[in-house]
Amino acid sequence: MDDQKVRVDEVEVTGEKLVSTVKHLIHEGNIRRIAIKNEEGKILMEIPLLIGVVGAALLPLWAAIGALAALMTKCTLILERVETKEEARTRTRARPGARRSKTARNAAR
């Protein structure tokens, strides 16, 4: 576990794209936690993701996210990703001008 780091990213999405974006992120497989934040900055829902939770176990989650999406026009997803140190180095080299995540900025200090 020493060779893994947690990276926190924020992604802004519209309410209509919320469910599809969350589904896509979960299928990526390296997401540990997703939080949904409204326009005022209040966290409305936190979703801890466990390895192996798929299919029917996620149906209530999709219903809850769909209900939130119907009420919101714009929201922010806070993503906690797990990546190995090698993936972090590769990502940083691949996009030298890109903005680094909070974790990467703290690690550089």
C-alpha atoms as a PDB file:
ATOM      1  CA  MET A   1       0.000   0.000   0.000  1.00  0.00           C
ATOM      2  CA  ASP A   2       3.065   2.278   0.317  1.00  0.00           C
ATOM      3  CA  ASP A   3       3.262   2.644  -3.453  1.00  0.00           C
ATOM      4  CA  GLN A   4      -0.228   4.207  -3.688  1.00  0.00           C
ATOM      5  CA  LYS A   5      -1.242   7.843  -3.361  1.00  0.00           C
ATOM      6  CA  VAL A   6      -4.640   9.470  -3.073  1.00  0.00           C
ATOM      7  CA  ARG A   7      -5.377  12.320  -5.461  1.00  0.00           C
ATOM      8  CA  VAL A   8      -8.328  14.698  -5.022  1.00  0.00           C
ATOM      9  CA  ASP A   9      -9.876  16.293  -8.111  1.00  0.00           C
ATOM     10  CA  GLU A  10     -12.957  18.436  -8.625  1.00  0.00           C
ATOM     11  CA  VAL A  11     -15.141  18.189 -11.732  1.00  0.00           C
ATOM     12  CA  GLU A  12     -18.047  20.507 -12.506  1.00  0.00           C
ATOM     13  CA  VAL A  13     -21.046  18.907 -14.230  1.00  0.00           C
ATOM     14  CA  THR A  14     -24.611  19.862 -15.037  1.00  0.00           C
ATOM     15  CA  GLY A  15     -27.485  18.065 -13.344  1.00  0.00           C
ATOM     16  CA  GLU A  16     -28.427  16.253 -16.558  1.00  0.00           C
ATOM     17  CA  LYS A  17     -24.919  14.770 -16.903  1.00  0.00           C
ATOM     18  CA  LEU A  18     -24.530  13.832 -13.233  1.00  0.00           C
ATOM     19  CA  VAL A  19     -25.611  10.177 -13.378  1.00  0.00           C
ATOM     20  CA  SER A  20     -23.689   9.360 -16.564  1.00  0.00           C
ATOM     21  CA  THR A  21     -20.538  11.063 -15.251  1.00  0.00           C
ATOM     22  CA  VAL A  22     -20.671   9.185 -11.934  1.00  0.00           C
ATOM     23  CA  LYS A  23     -21.245   5.862 -13.752  1.00  0.00           C
ATOM     24  CA  HIS A  24     -18.262   6.530 -16.004  1.00  0.00           C
ATOM     25  CA  LEU A  25     -16.048   7.409 -13.037  1.00  0.00           C
ATOM     26  CA  ILE A  26     -17.047   4.286 -11.117  1.00  0.00           C
ATOM     27  CA  HIS A  27     -16.231   2.111 -14.140  1.00  0.00           C
ATOM     28  CA  GLU A  28     -12.734   3.629 -14.257  1.00  0.00           C
ATOM     29  CA  GLY A  29     -12.073   1.623 -11.114  1.00  0.00           C
ATOM     30  CA  ASN A  30      -9.567   3.883  -9.363  1.00  0.00           C
ATOM     31  CA  ILE A  31     -12.096   6.065  -7.519  1.00  0.00           C
ATOM     32  CA  ARG A  32     -12.204   5.588  -3.741  1.00  0.00           C
ATOM     33  CA  ARG A  33     -14.841   8.203  -2.882  1.00  0.00           C
ATOM     34  CA  ILE A  34     -17.152  10.633  -4.679  1.00  0.00           C
ATOM     35  CA  ALA A  35     -18.812  13.634  -3.040  1.00  0.00           C
ATOM     36  CA  ILE A  36     -21.502  15.724  -4.731  1.00  0.00           C
ATOM     37  CA  LYS A  37     -21.428  19.422  -3.868  1.00  0.00           C
ATOM     38  CA  ASN A  38     -24.066  22.015  -4.826  1.00  0.00           C
ATOM     39  CA  GLU A  39     -23.434  25.511  -6.220  1.00  0.00           C
ATOM     40  CA  GLU A  40     -23.221  26.987  -2.709  1.00  0.00           C
ATOM     41  CA  GLY A  41     -20.439  24.547  -1.777  1.00  0.00           C
ATOM     42  CA  LYS A  42     -22.521  22.331   0.517  1.00  0.00           C
ATOM     43  CA  ILE A  43     -21.813  18.592   0.216  1.00  0.00           C
ATOM     44  CA  LEU A  44     -25.120  16.869  -0.491  1.00  0.00           C
ATOM     45  CA  MET A  45     -23.964  13.269  -0.822  1.00  0.00           C
ATOM     46  CA  GLU A  46     -20.794  11.287  -0.162  1.00  0.00           C
ATOM     47  CA  ILE A  47     -20.344   7.930  -1.857  1.00  0.00           C
ATOM     48  CA  PRO A  48     -17.625   5.649  -0.486  1.00  0.00           C
ATOM     49  CA  LEU A  49     -16.789   3.056  -3.141  1.00  0.00           C
ATOM     50  CA  LEU A  50     -15.698  -0.417  -2.162  1.00  0.00           C
ATOM     51  CA  ILE A  51     -13.899  -2.795  -4.476  1.00  0.00           C
ATOM     52  CA  GLY A  52     -16.298  -5.359  -5.863  1.00  0.00           C
ATOM     53  CA  VAL A  53     -19.517  -3.378  -5.390  1.00  0.00           C
ATOM     54  CA  VAL A  54     -21.230  -3.516  -8.772  1.00  0.00           C
ATOM     55  CA  GLY A  55     -24.517  -4.221 -10.480  1.00  0.00           C
ATOM     56  CA  ALA A  56     -27.680  -4.506  -8.410  1.00  0.00           C
ATOM     57  CA  ALA A  57     -25.943  -3.250  -5.267  1.00  0.00           C
ATOM     58  CA  LEU A  58     -25.640   0.178  -6.921  1.00  0.00           C
ATOM     59  CA  LEU A  59     -29.313   0.526  -7.965  1.00  0.00           C
ATOM     60  CA  PRO A  60     -30.351   2.536  -4.875  1.00  0.00           C
ATOM     61  CA  LEU A  61     -27.326   4.763  -5.455  1.00  0.00           C
ATOM     62  CA  TRP A  62     -28.380   5.527  -9.045  1.00  0.00           C
ATOM     63  CA  ALA A  63     -31.891   6.396  -7.841  1.00  0.00           C
ATOM     64  CA  ALA A  64     -30.536   8.808  -5.221  1.00  0.00           C
ATOM     65  CA  ILE A  65     -28.135  10.450  -7.678  1.00  0.00           C
ATOM     66  CA  GLY A  66     -30.941  10.725 -10.249  1.00  0.00           C
ATOM     67  CA  ALA A  67     -33.149  12.483  -7.692  1.00  0.00           C
ATOM     68  CA  LEU A  68     -30.353  14.955  -6.919  1.00  0.00           C
ATOM     69  CA  ALA A  69     -29.738  15.546 -10.620  1.00  0.00           C
ATOM     70  CA  ALA A  70     -33.404  16.423 -11.162  1.00  0.00           C
ATOM     71  CA  LEU A  71     -33.147  19.166  -8.524  1.00  0.00           C
ATOM     72  CA  MET A  72     -29.791  20.670  -9.511  1.00  0.00           C
ATOM     73  CA  THR A  73     -28.649  22.661 -12.519  1.00  0.00           C
ATOM     74  CA  LYS A  74     -24.932  22.610 -11.747  1.00  0.00           C
ATOM     75  CA  CYS A  75     -22.832  20.705  -9.239  1.00  0.00           C
ATOM     76  CA  THR A  76     -19.256  19.757  -8.454  1.00  0.00           C
ATOM     77  CA  LEU A  77     -17.968  16.216  -8.007  1.00  0.00           C
ATOM     78  CA  ILE A  78     -15.101  15.807  -5.560  1.00  0.00           C
ATOM     79  CA  LEU A  79     -13.177  12.693  -6.573  1.00  0.00           C
ATOM     80  CA  GLU A  80     -10.739  10.794  -4.391  1.00  0.00           C
ATOM     81  CA  ARG A  81      -8.629   8.647  -6.731  1.00  0.00           C
ATOM     82  CA  VAL A  82      -6.081   5.993  -5.855  1.00  0.00           C
ATOM     83  CA  GLU A  83      -3.009   5.845  -8.029  1.00  0.00           C
ATOM     84  CA  THR A  84       0.412   4.290  -7.747  1.00  0.00           C
ATOM     85  CA  LYS A  85       3.454   6.524  -7.515  1.00  0.00           C
ATOM     86  CA  GLU A  86       4.410   5.416 -11.045  1.00  0.00           C
ATOM     87  CA  GLU A  87       1.001   6.503 -12.412  1.00  0.00           C
ATOM     88  CA  ALA A  88       1.412   9.860 -10.670  1.00  0.00           C
ATOM     89  CA  ARG A  89       4.842  10.396 -12.258  1.00  0.00           C
ATOM     90  CA  THR A  90       3.554   9.349 -15.688  1.00  0.00           C
ATOM     91  CA  ARG A  91       0.537  11.672 -15.385  1.00  0.00           C
ATOM     92  CA  THR A  92       2.744  14.606 -14.381  1.00  0.00           C
ATOM     93  CA  ARG A  93       5.178  13.986 -17.256  1.00  0.00           C
ATOM     94  CA  ALA A  94       2.374  13.498 -19.788  1.00  0.00           C
ATOM     95  CA  ARG A  95       0.847  16.910 -19.035  1.00  0.00           C
ATOM     96  CA  PRO A  96       3.674  19.204 -17.955  1.00  0.00           C
ATOM     97  CA  GLY A  97       1.581  22.380 -18.206  1.00  0.00           C
ATOM     98  CA  ALA A  98      -1.458  20.885 -16.494  1.00  0.00           C
ATOM     99  CA  ARG A  99      -2.648  22.027 -13.092  1.00  0.00           C
ATOM    100  CA  ARG A 100      -1.570  19.590 -10.402  1.00  0.00           C
ATOM    101  CA  SER A 101      -3.987  18.109  -7.875  1.00  0.00           C
ATOM    102  CA  LYS A 102      -3.954  19.151  -4.206  1.00  0.00           C
ATOM    103  CA  THR A 103      -2.088  15.960  -3.290  1.00  0.00           C
ATOM    104  CA  ALA A 104       0.608  16.579  -5.888  1.00  0.00           C
ATOM    105  CA  ARG A 105       1.045  20.188  -4.788  1.00  0.00           C
ATOM    106  CA  ASN A 106       1.348  19.142  -1.115  1.00  0.00           C
ATOM    107  CA  ALA A 107       3.819  16.388  -1.963  1.00  0.00           C
ATOM    108  CA  ALA A 108       6.018  18.857  -3.845  1.00  0.00           C
ATOM    109  CA  ARG A 109       6.439  20.993  -0.711  1.00  0.00           C
END
